[in-house]
Amino acid sequence: KSELCKLYSIAPTTVNEWIKKYNRKDL
């Protein structure tokens, strides 16, 4: 997750919000 966030300039908290939004329990 850290690498992807740096690669795409996204905050980790933003990715966490997407995980919750799309109900990706596996992530």
mmCIF file of all heavy atoms, coordinates in Angstrom:
data_MODEL
# 
_entry.id   MODEL 
# 
loop_
_atom_site.group_PDB 
_atom_site.id 
_atom_site.type_symbol 
_atom_site.label_atom_id 
_atom_site.label_alt_id 
_atom_site.label_comp_id 
_atom_site.label_asym_id 
_atom_site.label_entity_id 
_atom_site.label_seq_id 
_atom_site.pdbx_PDB_ins_code 
_atom_site.Cartn_x 
_atom_site.Cartn_y 
_atom_site.Cartn_z 
_atom_site.occupancy 
_atom_site.B_iso_or_equiv 
_atom_site.pdbx_formal_charge 
_atom_site.auth_seq_id 
_atom_site.auth_comp_id 
_atom_site.auth_asym_id 
_atom_site.auth_atom_id 
_atom_site.pdbx_PDB_model_num 
ATOM 1   N N   . LYS A 1 1  ? 0.840   -1.198 0.000   1.00 0.00 ? 1  LYS A N   1 
ATOM 2   C CA  . LYS A 1 1  ? 0.000   0.000  0.000   1.00 0.00 ? 1  LYS A CA  1 
ATOM 3   C C   . LYS A 1 1  ? 0.879   1.254  0.000   1.00 0.00 ? 1  LYS A C   1 
ATOM 4   O O   . LYS A 1 1  ? 0.620   2.202  -0.728  1.00 0.00 ? 1  LYS A O   1 
ATOM 5   C CB  . LYS A 1 1  ? -0.913  0.008  1.219   1.00 0.00 ? 1  LYS A CB  1 
ATOM 6   C CG  . LYS A 1 1  ? -1.920  1.133  1.206   1.00 0.00 ? 1  LYS A CG  1 
ATOM 7   C CD  . LYS A 1 1  ? -2.722  1.231  2.486   1.00 0.00 ? 1  LYS A CD  1 
ATOM 8   C CE  . LYS A 1 1  ? -3.430  -0.035 2.828   1.00 0.00 ? 1  LYS A CE  1 
ATOM 9   N NZ  . LYS A 1 1  ? -4.186  0.036  4.088   1.00 0.00 ? 1  LYS A NZ  1 
ATOM 10  N N   . SER A 1 2  ? 1.925   1.216  0.776   1.00 0.00 ? 2  SER A N   1 
ATOM 11  C CA  . SER A 1 2  ? 2.839   2.350  0.855   1.00 0.00 ? 2  SER A CA  1 
ATOM 12  C C   . SER A 1 2  ? 3.470   2.656  -0.504  1.00 0.00 ? 2  SER A C   1 
ATOM 13  O O   . SER A 1 2  ? 3.565   3.812  -0.914  1.00 0.00 ? 2  SER A O   1 
ATOM 14  C CB  . SER A 1 2  ? 3.925   2.059  1.895   1.00 0.00 ? 2  SER A CB  1 
ATOM 15  O OG  . SER A 1 2  ? 4.819   3.118  1.993   1.00 0.00 ? 2  SER A OG  1 
ATOM 16  N N   . GLU A 1 3  ? 3.894   1.617  -1.193  1.00 0.00 ? 3  GLU A N   1 
ATOM 17  C CA  . GLU A 1 3  ? 4.512   1.803  -2.518  1.00 0.00 ? 3  GLU A CA  1 
ATOM 18  C C   . GLU A 1 3  ? 3.511   2.389  -3.513  1.00 0.00 ? 3  GLU A C   1 
ATOM 19  O O   . GLU A 1 3  ? 3.846   3.299  -4.275  1.00 0.00 ? 3  GLU A O   1 
ATOM 20  C CB  . GLU A 1 3  ? 5.050   0.478  -3.043  1.00 0.00 ? 3  GLU A CB  1 
ATOM 21  C CG  . GLU A 1 3  ? 6.258   -0.023 -2.288  1.00 0.00 ? 3  GLU A CG  1 
ATOM 22  C CD  . GLU A 1 3  ? 6.644   -1.444 -2.660  1.00 0.00 ? 3  GLU A CD  1 
ATOM 23  O OE1 . GLU A 1 3  ? 5.796   -2.201 -3.186  1.00 0.00 ? 3  GLU A OE1 1 
ATOM 24  O OE2 . GLU A 1 3  ? 7.801   -1.809 -2.402  1.00 0.00 ? 3  GLU A OE2 1 
ATOM 25  N N   . LEU A 1 4  ? 2.289   1.864  -3.503  1.00 0.00 ? 4  LEU A N   1 
ATOM 26  C CA  . LEU A 1 4  ? 1.269   2.379  -4.414  1.00 0.00 ? 4  LEU A CA  1 
ATOM 27  C C   . LEU A 1 4  ? 0.947   3.834  -4.112  1.00 0.00 ? 4  LEU A C   1 
ATOM 28  O O   . LEU A 1 4  ? 0.771   4.642  -5.027  1.00 0.00 ? 4  LEU A O   1 
ATOM 29  C CB  . LEU A 1 4  ? -0.009  1.536  -4.337  1.00 0.00 ? 4  LEU A CB  1 
ATOM 30  C CG  . LEU A 1 4  ? 0.059   0.172  -4.996  1.00 0.00 ? 4  LEU A CG  1 
ATOM 31  C CD1 . LEU A 1 4  ? -1.180  -0.638 -4.681  1.00 0.00 ? 4  LEU A CD1 1 
ATOM 32  C CD2 . LEU A 1 4  ? 0.229   0.311  -6.499  1.00 0.00 ? 4  LEU A CD2 1 
ATOM 33  N N   . CYS A 1 5  ? 0.883   4.164  -2.833  1.00 0.00 ? 5  CYS A N   1 
ATOM 34  C CA  . CYS A 1 5  ? 0.579   5.541  -2.453  1.00 0.00 ? 5  CYS A CA  1 
ATOM 35  C C   . CYS A 1 5  ? 1.666   6.499  -2.929  1.00 0.00 ? 5  CYS A C   1 
ATOM 36  O O   . CYS A 1 5  ? 1.368   7.590  -3.427  1.00 0.00 ? 5  CYS A O   1 
ATOM 37  C CB  . CYS A 1 5  ? 0.390   5.647  -0.942  1.00 0.00 ? 5  CYS A CB  1 
ATOM 38  S SG  . CYS A 1 5  ? -1.121  4.846  -0.376  1.00 0.00 ? 5  CYS A SG  1 
ATOM 39  N N   . LYS A 1 6  ? 2.911   6.085  -2.801  1.00 0.00 ? 6  LYS A N   1 
ATOM 40  C CA  . LYS A 1 6  ? 4.013   6.924  -3.277  1.00 0.00 ? 6  LYS A CA  1 
ATOM 41  C C   . LYS A 1 6  ? 4.011   7.011  -4.796  1.00 0.00 ? 6  LYS A C   1 
ATOM 42  O O   . LYS A 1 6  ? 4.211   8.081  -5.367  1.00 0.00 ? 6  LYS A O   1 
ATOM 43  C CB  . LYS A 1 6  ? 5.350   6.380  -2.777  1.00 0.00 ? 6  LYS A CB  1 
ATOM 44  C CG  . LYS A 1 6  ? 5.559   6.604  -1.304  1.00 0.00 ? 6  LYS A CG  1 
ATOM 45  C CD  . LYS A 1 6  ? 6.865   5.991  -0.842  1.00 0.00 ? 6  LYS A CD  1 
ATOM 46  C CE  . LYS A 1 6  ? 6.996   6.118  0.664   1.00 0.00 ? 6  LYS A CE  1 
ATOM 47  N NZ  . LYS A 1 6  ? 8.197   5.453  1.167   1.00 0.00 ? 6  LYS A NZ  1 
ATOM 48  N N   . LEU A 1 7  ? 3.770   5.887  -5.434  1.00 0.00 ? 7  LEU A N   1 
ATOM 49  C CA  . LEU A 1 7  ? 3.784   5.822  -6.895  1.00 0.00 ? 7  LEU A CA  1 
ATOM 50  C C   . LEU A 1 7  ? 2.725   6.738  -7.512  1.00 0.00 ? 7  LEU A C   1 
ATOM 51  O O   . LEU A 1 7  ? 2.981   7.421  -8.502  1.00 0.00 ? 7  LEU A O   1 
ATOM 52  C CB  . LEU A 1 7  ? 3.562   4.377  -7.345  1.00 0.00 ? 7  LEU A CB  1 
ATOM 53  C CG  . LEU A 1 7  ? 3.625   4.083  -8.828  1.00 0.00 ? 7  LEU A CG  1 
ATOM 54  C CD1 . LEU A 1 7  ? 5.020   4.357  -9.383  1.00 0.00 ? 7  LEU A CD1 1 
ATOM 55  C CD2 . LEU A 1 7  ? 3.238   2.641  -9.089  1.00 0.00 ? 7  LEU A CD2 1 
ATOM 56  N N   . TYR A 1 8  ? 1.535   6.762  -6.903  1.00 0.00 ? 8  TYR A N   1 
ATOM 57  C CA  . TYR A 1 8  ? 0.427   7.541  -7.450  1.00 0.00 ? 8  TYR A CA  1 
ATOM 58  C C   . TYR A 1 8  ? 0.138   8.823  -6.668  1.00 0.00 ? 8  TYR A C   1 
ATOM 59  O O   . TYR A 1 8  ? -0.838  9.501  -6.944  1.00 0.00 ? 8  TYR A O   1 
ATOM 60  C CB  . TYR A 1 8  ? -0.840  6.680  -7.494  1.00 0.00 ? 8  TYR A CB  1 
ATOM 61  C CG  . TYR A 1 8  ? -0.757  5.562  -8.502  1.00 0.00 ? 8  TYR A CG  1 
ATOM 62  C CD1 . TYR A 1 8  ? -0.495  4.252  -8.105  1.00 0.00 ? 8  TYR A CD1 1 
ATOM 63  C CD2 . TYR A 1 8  ? -0.929  5.807  -9.866  1.00 0.00 ? 8  TYR A CD2 1 
ATOM 64  C CE1 . TYR A 1 8  ? -0.423  3.224  -9.025  1.00 0.00 ? 8  TYR A CE1 1 
ATOM 65  C CE2 . TYR A 1 8  ? -0.855  4.788  -10.791 1.00 0.00 ? 8  TYR A CE2 1 
ATOM 66  C CZ  . TYR A 1 8  ? -0.594  3.499  -10.370 1.00 0.00 ? 8  TYR A CZ  1 
ATOM 67  O OH  . TYR A 1 8  ? -0.519  2.483  -11.286 1.00 0.00 ? 8  TYR A OH  1 
ATOM 68  N N   . SER A 1 9  ? 0.974   9.139  -5.686  1.00 0.00 ? 9  SER A N   1 
ATOM 69  C CA  . SER A 1 9  ? 0.804   10.339 -4.854  1.00 0.00 ? 9  SER A CA  1 
ATOM 70  C C   . SER A 1 9  ? -0.566  10.394 -4.193  1.00 0.00 ? 9  SER A C   1 
ATOM 71  O O   . SER A 1 9  ? -1.292  11.384 -4.300  1.00 0.00 ? 9  SER A O   1 
ATOM 72  C CB  . SER A 1 9  ? 1.049   11.608 -5.682  1.00 0.00 ? 9  SER A CB  1 
ATOM 73  O OG  . SER A 1 9  ? 2.334   11.606 -6.218  1.00 0.00 ? 9  SER A OG  1 
ATOM 74  N N   . ILE A 1 10 ? -0.908  9.311  -3.516  1.00 0.00 ? 10 ILE A N   1 
ATOM 75  C CA  . ILE A 1 10 ? -2.184  9.194  -2.820  1.00 0.00 ? 10 ILE A CA  1 
ATOM 76  C C   . ILE A 1 10 ? -1.891  8.964  -1.343  1.00 0.00 ? 10 ILE A C   1 
ATOM 77  O O   . ILE A 1 10 ? -0.988  8.195  -1.005  1.00 0.00 ? 10 ILE A O   1 
ATOM 78  C CB  . ILE A 1 10 ? -2.999  7.996  -3.343  1.00 0.00 ? 10 ILE A CB  1 
ATOM 79  C CG1 . ILE A 1 10 ? -3.184  8.085  -4.851  1.00 0.00 ? 10 ILE A CG1 1 
ATOM 80  C CG2 . ILE A 1 10 ? -4.342  7.890  -2.644  1.00 0.00 ? 10 ILE A CG2 1 
ATOM 81  C CD1 . ILE A 1 10 ? -3.730  6.806  -5.455  1.00 0.00 ? 10 ILE A CD1 1 
ATOM 82  N N   . ALA A 1 11 ? -2.675  9.574  -0.478  1.00 0.00 ? 11 ALA A N   1 
ATOM 83  C CA  . ALA A 1 11 ? -2.521  9.350  0.960   1.00 0.00 ? 11 ALA A CA  1 
ATOM 84  C C   . ALA A 1 11 ? -3.019  7.949  1.325   1.00 0.00 ? 11 ALA A C   1 
ATOM 85  O O   . ALA A 1 11 ? -4.039  7.504  0.787   1.00 0.00 ? 11 ALA A O   1 
ATOM 86  C CB  . ALA A 1 11 ? -3.304  10.400 1.738   1.00 0.00 ? 11 ALA A CB  1 
ATOM 87  N N   . PRO A 1 12 ? -2.321  7.264  2.217   1.00 0.00 ? 12 PRO A N   1 
ATOM 88  C CA  . PRO A 1 12 ? -2.777  5.930  2.644   1.00 0.00 ? 12 PRO A CA  1 
ATOM 89  C C   . PRO A 1 12 ? -4.199  5.945  3.203   1.00 0.00 ? 12 PRO A C   1 
ATOM 90  O O   . PRO A 1 12 ? -4.946  4.983  3.017   1.00 0.00 ? 12 PRO A O   1 
ATOM 91  C CB  . PRO A 1 12 ? -1.765  5.527  3.718   1.00 0.00 ? 12 PRO A CB  1 
ATOM 92  C CG  . PRO A 1 12 ? -0.549  6.320  3.408   1.00 0.00 ? 12 PRO A CG  1 
ATOM 93  C CD  . PRO A 1 12 ? -1.037  7.607  2.823   1.00 0.00 ? 12 PRO A CD  1 
ATOM 94  N N   . THR A 1 13 ? -4.579  7.017  3.873   1.00 0.00 ? 13 THR A N   1 
ATOM 95  C CA  . THR A 1 13 ? -5.939  7.091  4.413   1.00 0.00 ? 13 THR A CA  1 
ATOM 96  C C   . THR A 1 13 ? -6.973  7.113  3.301   1.00 0.00 ? 13 THR A C   1 
ATOM 97  O O   . THR A 1 13 ? -8.083  6.590  3.466   1.00 0.00 ? 13 THR A O   1 
ATOM 98  C CB  . THR A 1 13 ? -6.122  8.328  5.314   1.00 0.00 ? 13 THR A CB  1 
ATOM 99  O OG1 . THR A 1 13 ? -5.741  9.497  4.586   1.00 0.00 ? 13 THR A OG1 1 
ATOM 100 C CG2 . THR A 1 13 ? -5.288  8.220  6.574   1.00 0.00 ? 13 THR A CG2 1 
ATOM 101 N N   . THR A 1 14 ? -6.610  7.683  2.166   1.00 0.00 ? 14 THR A N   1 
ATOM 102 C CA  . THR A 1 14 ? -7.509  7.701  1.012   1.00 0.00 ? 14 THR A CA  1 
ATOM 103 C C   . THR A 1 14 ? -7.738  6.285  0.504   1.00 0.00 ? 14 THR A C   1 
ATOM 104 O O   . THR A 1 14 ? -8.872  5.886  0.228   1.00 0.00 ? 14 THR A O   1 
ATOM 105 C CB  . THR A 1 14 ? -6.930  8.584  -0.106  1.00 0.00 ? 14 THR A CB  1 
ATOM 106 O OG1 . THR A 1 14 ? -6.756  9.915  0.398   1.00 0.00 ? 14 THR A OG1 1 
ATOM 107 C CG2 . THR A 1 14 ? -7.834  8.613  -1.324  1.00 0.00 ? 14 THR A CG2 1 
ATOM 108 N N   . VAL A 1 15 ? -6.670  5.516  0.403   1.00 0.00 ? 15 VAL A N   1 
ATOM 109 C CA  . VAL A 1 15 ? -6.793  4.126  -0.042  1.00 0.00 ? 15 VAL A CA  1 
ATOM 110 C C   . VAL A 1 15 ? -7.626  3.331  0.957   1.00 0.00 ? 15 VAL A C   1 
ATOM 111 O O   . VAL A 1 15 ? -8.471  2.525  0.567   1.00 0.00 ? 15 VAL A O   1 
ATOM 112 C CB  . VAL A 1 15 ? -5.411  3.478  -0.260  1.00 0.00 ? 15 VAL A CB  1 
ATOM 113 C CG1 . VAL A 1 15 ? -5.543  2.012  -0.628  1.00 0.00 ? 15 VAL A CG1 1 
ATOM 114 C CG2 . VAL A 1 15 ? -4.640  4.227  -1.354  1.00 0.00 ? 15 VAL A CG2 1 
ATOM 115 N N   . ASN A 1 16 ? -7.430  3.589  2.248   1.00 0.00 ? 16 ASN A N   1 
ATOM 116 C CA  . ASN A 1 16 ? -8.225  2.906  3.269   1.00 0.00 ? 16 ASN A CA  1 
ATOM 117 C C   . ASN A 1 16 ? -9.710  3.221  3.108   1.00 0.00 ? 16 ASN A C   1 
ATOM 118 O O   . ASN A 1 16 ? -10.559 2.343  3.282   1.00 0.00 ? 16 ASN A O   1 
ATOM 119 C CB  . ASN A 1 16 ? -7.771  3.300  4.673   1.00 0.00 ? 16 ASN A CB  1 
ATOM 120 C CG  . ASN A 1 16 ? -6.419  2.721  5.015   1.00 0.00 ? 16 ASN A CG  1 
ATOM 121 O OD1 . ASN A 1 16 ? -5.990  1.730  4.442   1.00 0.00 ? 16 ASN A OD1 1 
ATOM 122 N ND2 . ASN A 1 16 ? -5.745  3.345  5.953   1.00 0.00 ? 16 ASN A ND2 1 
ATOM 123 N N   . GLU A 1 17 ? -10.028 4.456  2.752   1.00 0.00 ? 17 GLU A N   1 
ATOM 124 C CA  . GLU A 1 17 ? -11.428 4.838  2.513   1.00 0.00 ? 17 GLU A CA  1 
ATOM 125 C C   . GLU A 1 17 ? -11.999 4.069  1.324   1.00 0.00 ? 17 GLU A C   1 
ATOM 126 O O   . GLU A 1 17 ? -13.153 3.638  1.358   1.00 0.00 ? 17 GLU A O   1 
ATOM 127 C CB  . GLU A 1 17 ? -11.536 6.345  2.267   1.00 0.00 ? 17 GLU A CB  1 
ATOM 128 C CG  . GLU A 1 17 ? -11.293 7.175  3.507   1.00 0.00 ? 17 GLU A CG  1 
ATOM 129 C CD  . GLU A 1 17 ? -11.258 8.664  3.209   1.00 0.00 ? 17 GLU A CD  1 
ATOM 130 O OE1 . GLU A 1 17 ? -11.679 9.087  2.106   1.00 0.00 ? 17 GLU A OE1 1 
ATOM 131 O OE2 . GLU A 1 17 ? -10.802 9.419  4.082   1.00 0.00 ? 17 GLU A OE2 1 
ATOM 132 N N   . TRP A 1 18 ? -11.207 3.891  0.286   1.00 0.00 ? 18 TRP A N   1 
ATOM 133 C CA  . TRP A 1 18 ? -11.664 3.137  -0.886  1.00 0.00 ? 18 TRP A CA  1 
ATOM 134 C C   . TRP A 1 18 ? -11.890 1.673  -0.528  1.00 0.00 ? 18 TRP A C   1 
ATOM 135 O O   . TRP A 1 18 ? -12.842 1.058  -1.006  1.00 0.00 ? 18 TRP A O   1 
ATOM 136 C CB  . TRP A 1 18 ? -10.669 3.250  -2.029  1.00 0.00 ? 18 TRP A CB  1 
ATOM 137 C CG  . TRP A 1 18 ? -10.457 4.650  -2.535  1.00 0.00 ? 18 TRP A CG  1 
ATOM 138 C CD1 . TRP A 1 18 ? -11.245 5.745  -2.285  1.00 0.00 ? 18 TRP A CD1 1 
ATOM 139 C CD2 . TRP A 1 18 ? -9.394  5.115  -3.349  1.00 0.00 ? 18 TRP A CD2 1 
ATOM 140 N NE1 . TRP A 1 18 ? -10.732 6.842  -2.899  1.00 0.00 ? 18 TRP A NE1 1 
ATOM 141 C CE2 . TRP A 1 18 ? -9.593  6.500  -3.571  1.00 0.00 ? 18 TRP A CE2 1 
ATOM 142 C CE3 . TRP A 1 18 ? -8.293  4.506  -3.930  1.00 0.00 ? 18 TRP A CE3 1 
ATOM 143 C CZ2 . TRP A 1 18 ? -8.729  7.265  -4.340  1.00 0.00 ? 18 TRP A CZ2 1 
ATOM 144 C CZ3 . TRP A 1 18 ? -7.430  5.272  -4.697  1.00 0.00 ? 18 TRP A CZ3 1 
ATOM 145 C CH2 . TRP A 1 18 ? -7.655  6.639  -4.902  1.00 0.00 ? 18 TRP A CH2 1 
ATOM 146 N N   . ILE A 1 19 ? -11.021 1.122  0.303   1.00 0.00 ? 19 ILE A N   1 
ATOM 147 C CA  . ILE A 1 19 ? -11.174 -0.273 0.735   1.00 0.00 ? 19 ILE A CA  1 
ATOM 148 C C   . ILE A 1 19 ? -12.513 -0.442 1.448   1.00 0.00 ? 19 ILE A C   1 
ATOM 149 O O   . ILE A 1 19 ? -13.253 -1.385 1.188   1.00 0.00 ? 19 ILE A O   1 
ATOM 150 C CB  . ILE A 1 19 ? -9.995  -0.698 1.638   1.00 0.00 ? 19 ILE A CB  1 
ATOM 151 C CG1 . ILE A 1 19 ? -8.718  -0.806 0.802   1.00 0.00 ? 19 ILE A CG1 1 
ATOM 152 C CG2 . ILE A 1 19 ? -10.293 -2.010 2.349   1.00 0.00 ? 19 ILE A CG2 1 
ATOM 153 C CD1 . ILE A 1 19 ? -7.445  -0.982 1.617   1.00 0.00 ? 19 ILE A CD1 1 
ATOM 154 N N   . LYS A 1 20 ? -12.836 0.504  2.319   1.00 0.00 ? 20 LYS A N   1 
ATOM 155 C CA  . LYS A 1 20 ? -14.112 0.452  3.033   1.00 0.00 ? 20 LYS A CA  1 
ATOM 156 C C   . LYS A 1 20 ? -15.289 0.692  2.094   1.00 0.00 ? 20 LYS A C   1 
ATOM 157 O O   . LYS A 1 20 ? -16.305 -0.006 2.165   1.00 0.00 ? 20 LYS A O   1 
ATOM 158 C CB  . LYS A 1 20 ? -14.127 1.485  4.156   1.00 0.00 ? 20 LYS A CB  1 
ATOM 159 C CG  . LYS A 1 20 ? -13.196 1.141  5.293   1.00 0.00 ? 20 LYS A CG  1 
ATOM 160 C CD  . LYS A 1 20 ? -13.187 2.234  6.339   1.00 0.00 ? 20 LYS A CD  1 
ATOM 161 C CE  . LYS A 1 20 ? -12.106 1.965  7.376   1.00 0.00 ? 20 LYS A CE  1 
ATOM 162 N NZ  . LYS A 1 20 ? -11.969 3.094  8.311   1.00 0.00 ? 20 LYS A NZ  1 
ATOM 163 N N   . LYS A 1 21 ? -15.141 1.672  1.205   1.00 0.00 ? 21 LYS A N   1 
ATOM 164 C CA  . LYS A 1 21 ? -16.222 2.019  0.282   1.00 0.00 ? 21 LYS A CA  1 
ATOM 165 C C   . LYS A 1 21 ? -16.623 0.839  -0.595  1.00 0.00 ? 21 LYS A C   1 
ATOM 166 O O   . LYS A 1 21 ? -17.808 0.590  -0.830  1.00 0.00 ? 21 LYS A O   1 
ATOM 167 C CB  . LYS A 1 21 ? -15.804 3.194  -0.610  1.00 0.00 ? 21 LYS A CB  1 
ATOM 168 C CG  . LYS A 1 21 ? -16.844 3.571  -1.641  1.00 0.00 ? 21 LYS A CG  1 
ATOM 169 C CD  . LYS A 1 21 ? -16.402 4.726  -2.509  1.00 0.00 ? 21 LYS A CD  1 
ATOM 170 C CE  . LYS A 1 21 ? -17.467 5.029  -3.542  1.00 0.00 ? 21 LYS A CE  1 
ATOM 171 N NZ  . LYS A 1 21 ? -17.098 6.159  -4.395  1.00 0.00 ? 21 LYS A NZ  1 
ATOM 172 N N   . TYR A 1 22 ? -15.645 0.118  -1.098  1.00 0.00 ? 22 TYR A N   1 
ATOM 173 C CA  . TYR A 1 22 ? -15.907 -0.999 -2.002  1.00 0.00 ? 22 TYR A CA  1 
ATOM 174 C C   . TYR A 1 22 ? -15.982 -2.339 -1.268  1.00 0.00 ? 22 TYR A C   1 
ATOM 175 O O   . TYR A 1 22 ? -15.977 -3.391 -1.901  1.00 0.00 ? 22 TYR A O   1 
ATOM 176 C CB  . TYR A 1 22 ? -14.862 -1.034 -3.123  1.00 0.00 ? 22 TYR A CB  1 
ATOM 177 C CG  . TYR A 1 22 ? -14.973 0.175  -4.019  1.00 0.00 ? 22 TYR A CG  1 
ATOM 178 C CD1 . TYR A 1 22 ? -14.069 1.226  -3.921  1.00 0.00 ? 22 TYR A CD1 1 
ATOM 179 C CD2 . TYR A 1 22 ? -16.017 0.288  -4.930  1.00 0.00 ? 22 TYR A CD2 1 
ATOM 180 C CE1 . TYR A 1 22 ? -14.186 2.348  -4.721  1.00 0.00 ? 22 TYR A CE1 1 
ATOM 181 C CE2 . TYR A 1 22 ? -16.141 1.408  -5.736  1.00 0.00 ? 22 TYR A CE2 1 
ATOM 182 C CZ  . TYR A 1 22 ? -15.224 2.438  -5.627  1.00 0.00 ? 22 TYR A CZ  1 
ATOM 183 O OH  . TYR A 1 22 ? -15.347 3.549  -6.416  1.00 0.00 ? 22 TYR A OH  1 
ATOM 184 N N   . ASN A 1 23 ? -16.045 -2.255 0.063   1.00 0.00 ? 23 ASN A N   1 
ATOM 185 C CA  . ASN A 1 23 ? -16.225 -3.446 0.899   1.00 0.00 ? 23 ASN A CA  1 
ATOM 186 C C   . ASN A 1 23 ? -15.222 -4.553 0.568   1.00 0.00 ? 23 ASN A C   1 
ATOM 187 O O   . ASN A 1 23 ? -15.587 -5.717 0.430   1.00 0.00 ? 23 ASN A O   1 
ATOM 188 C CB  . ASN A 1 23 ? -17.666 -3.959 0.781   1.00 0.00 ? 23 ASN A CB  1 
ATOM 189 C CG  . ASN A 1 23 ? -18.040 -4.850 1.938   1.00 0.00 ? 23 ASN A CG  1 
ATOM 190 O OD1 . ASN A 1 23 ? -17.473 -4.744 3.020   1.00 0.00 ? 23 ASN A OD1 1 
ATOM 191 N ND2 . ASN A 1 23 ? -18.987 -5.741 1.711   1.00 0.00 ? 23 ASN A ND2 1 
ATOM 192 N N   . ARG A 1 24 ? -13.972 -4.158 0.436   1.00 0.00 ? 24 ARG A N   1 
ATOM 193 C CA  . ARG A 1 24 ? -12.912 -5.121 0.122   1.00 0.00 ? 24 ARG A CA  1 
ATOM 194 C C   . ARG A 1 24 ? -12.340 -5.672 1.412   1.00 0.00 ? 24 ARG A C   1 
ATOM 195 O O   . ARG A 1 24 ? -11.270 -5.291 1.862   1.00 0.00 ? 24 ARG A O   1 
ATOM 196 C CB  . ARG A 1 24 ? -11.830 -4.449 -0.727  1.00 0.00 ? 24 ARG A CB  1 
ATOM 197 C CG  . ARG A 1 24 ? -12.266 -4.041 -2.121  1.00 0.00 ? 24 ARG A CG  1 
ATOM 198 C CD  . ARG A 1 24 ? -12.645 -5.229 -2.988  1.00 0.00 ? 24 ARG A CD  1 
ATOM 199 N NE  . ARG A 1 24 ? -11.582 -6.208 -3.072  1.00 0.00 ? 24 ARG A NE  1 
ATOM 200 C CZ  . ARG A 1 24 ? -10.637 -6.203 -4.011  1.00 0.00 ? 24 ARG A CZ  1 
ATOM 201 N NH1 . ARG A 1 24 ? -10.655 -5.299 -4.964  1.00 0.00 ? 24 ARG A NH1 1 
ATOM 202 N NH2 . ARG A 1 24 ? -9.699  -7.116 -4.007  1.00 0.00 ? 24 ARG A NH2 1 
ATOM 203 N N   . LYS A 1 25 ? -13.088 -6.580 2.027   1.00 0.00 ? 25 LYS A N   1 
ATOM 204 C CA  . LYS A 1 25 ? -12.680 -7.158 3.307   1.00 0.00 ? 25 LYS A CA  1 
ATOM 205 C C   . LYS A 1 25 ? -11.344 -7.882 3.192   1.00 0.00 ? 25 LYS A C   1 
ATOM 206 O O   . LYS A 1 25 ? -10.607 -7.977 4.168   1.00 0.00 ? 25 LYS A O   1 
ATOM 207 C CB  . LYS A 1 25 ? -13.764 -8.082 3.835   1.00 0.00 ? 25 LYS A CB  1 
ATOM 208 C CG  . LYS A 1 25 ? -15.014 -7.334 4.218   1.00 0.00 ? 25 LYS A CG  1 
ATOM 209 C CD  . LYS A 1 25 ? -16.082 -8.259 4.733   1.00 0.00 ? 25 LYS A CD  1 
ATOM 210 C CE  . LYS A 1 25 ? -17.337 -7.452 5.028   1.00 0.00 ? 25 LYS A CE  1 
ATOM 211 N NZ  . LYS A 1 25 ? -18.424 -8.283 5.507   1.00 0.00 ? 25 LYS A NZ  1 
ATOM 212 N N   . ASP A 1 26 ? -11.042 -8.372 2.006   1.00 0.00 ? 26 ASP A N   1 
ATOM 213 C CA  . ASP A 1 26 ? -9.764  -9.057 1.801   1.00 0.00 ? 26 ASP A CA  1 
ATOM 214 C C   . ASP A 1 26 ? -8.577  -8.106 1.939   1.00 0.00 ? 26 ASP A C   1 
ATOM 215 O O   . ASP A 1 26 ? -7.456  -8.543 2.168   1.00 0.00 ? 26 ASP A O   1 
ATOM 216 C CB  . ASP A 1 26 ? -9.730  -9.744 0.440   1.00 0.00 ? 26 ASP A CB  1 
ATOM 217 C CG  . ASP A 1 26 ? -9.968  -8.783 -0.726  1.00 0.00 ? 26 ASP A CG  1 
ATOM 218 O OD1 . ASP A 1 26 ? -10.846 -7.901 -0.602  1.00 0.00 ? 26 ASP A OD1 1 
ATOM 219 O OD2 . ASP A 1 26 ? -9.286  -8.924 -1.745  1.00 0.00 ? 26 ASP A OD2 1 
ATOM 220 N N   . LEU A 1 27 ? -8.824  -6.801 1.828   1.00 0.00 ? 27 LEU A N   1 
ATOM 221 C CA  . LEU A 1 27 ? -7.749  -5.815 1.925   1.00 0.00 ? 27 LEU A CA  1 
ATOM 222 C C   . LEU A 1 27 ? -7.790  -5.025 3.224   1.00 0.00 ? 27 LEU A C   1 
ATOM 223 O O   . LEU A 1 27 ? -6.949  -4.161 3.438   1.00 0.00 ? 27 LEU A O   1 
ATOM 224 C CB  . LEU A 1 27 ? -7.821  -4.836 0.741   1.00 0.00 ? 27 LEU A CB  1 
ATOM 225 C CG  . LEU A 1 27 ? -7.706  -5.446 -0.649  1.00 0.00 ? 27 LEU A CG  1 
ATOM 226 C CD1 . LEU A 1 27 ? -7.921  -4.385 -1.706  1.00 0.00 ? 27 LEU A CD1 1 
ATOM 227 C CD2 . LEU A 1 27 ? -6.364  -6.118 -0.831  1.00 0.00 ? 27 LEU A CD2 1 
# 
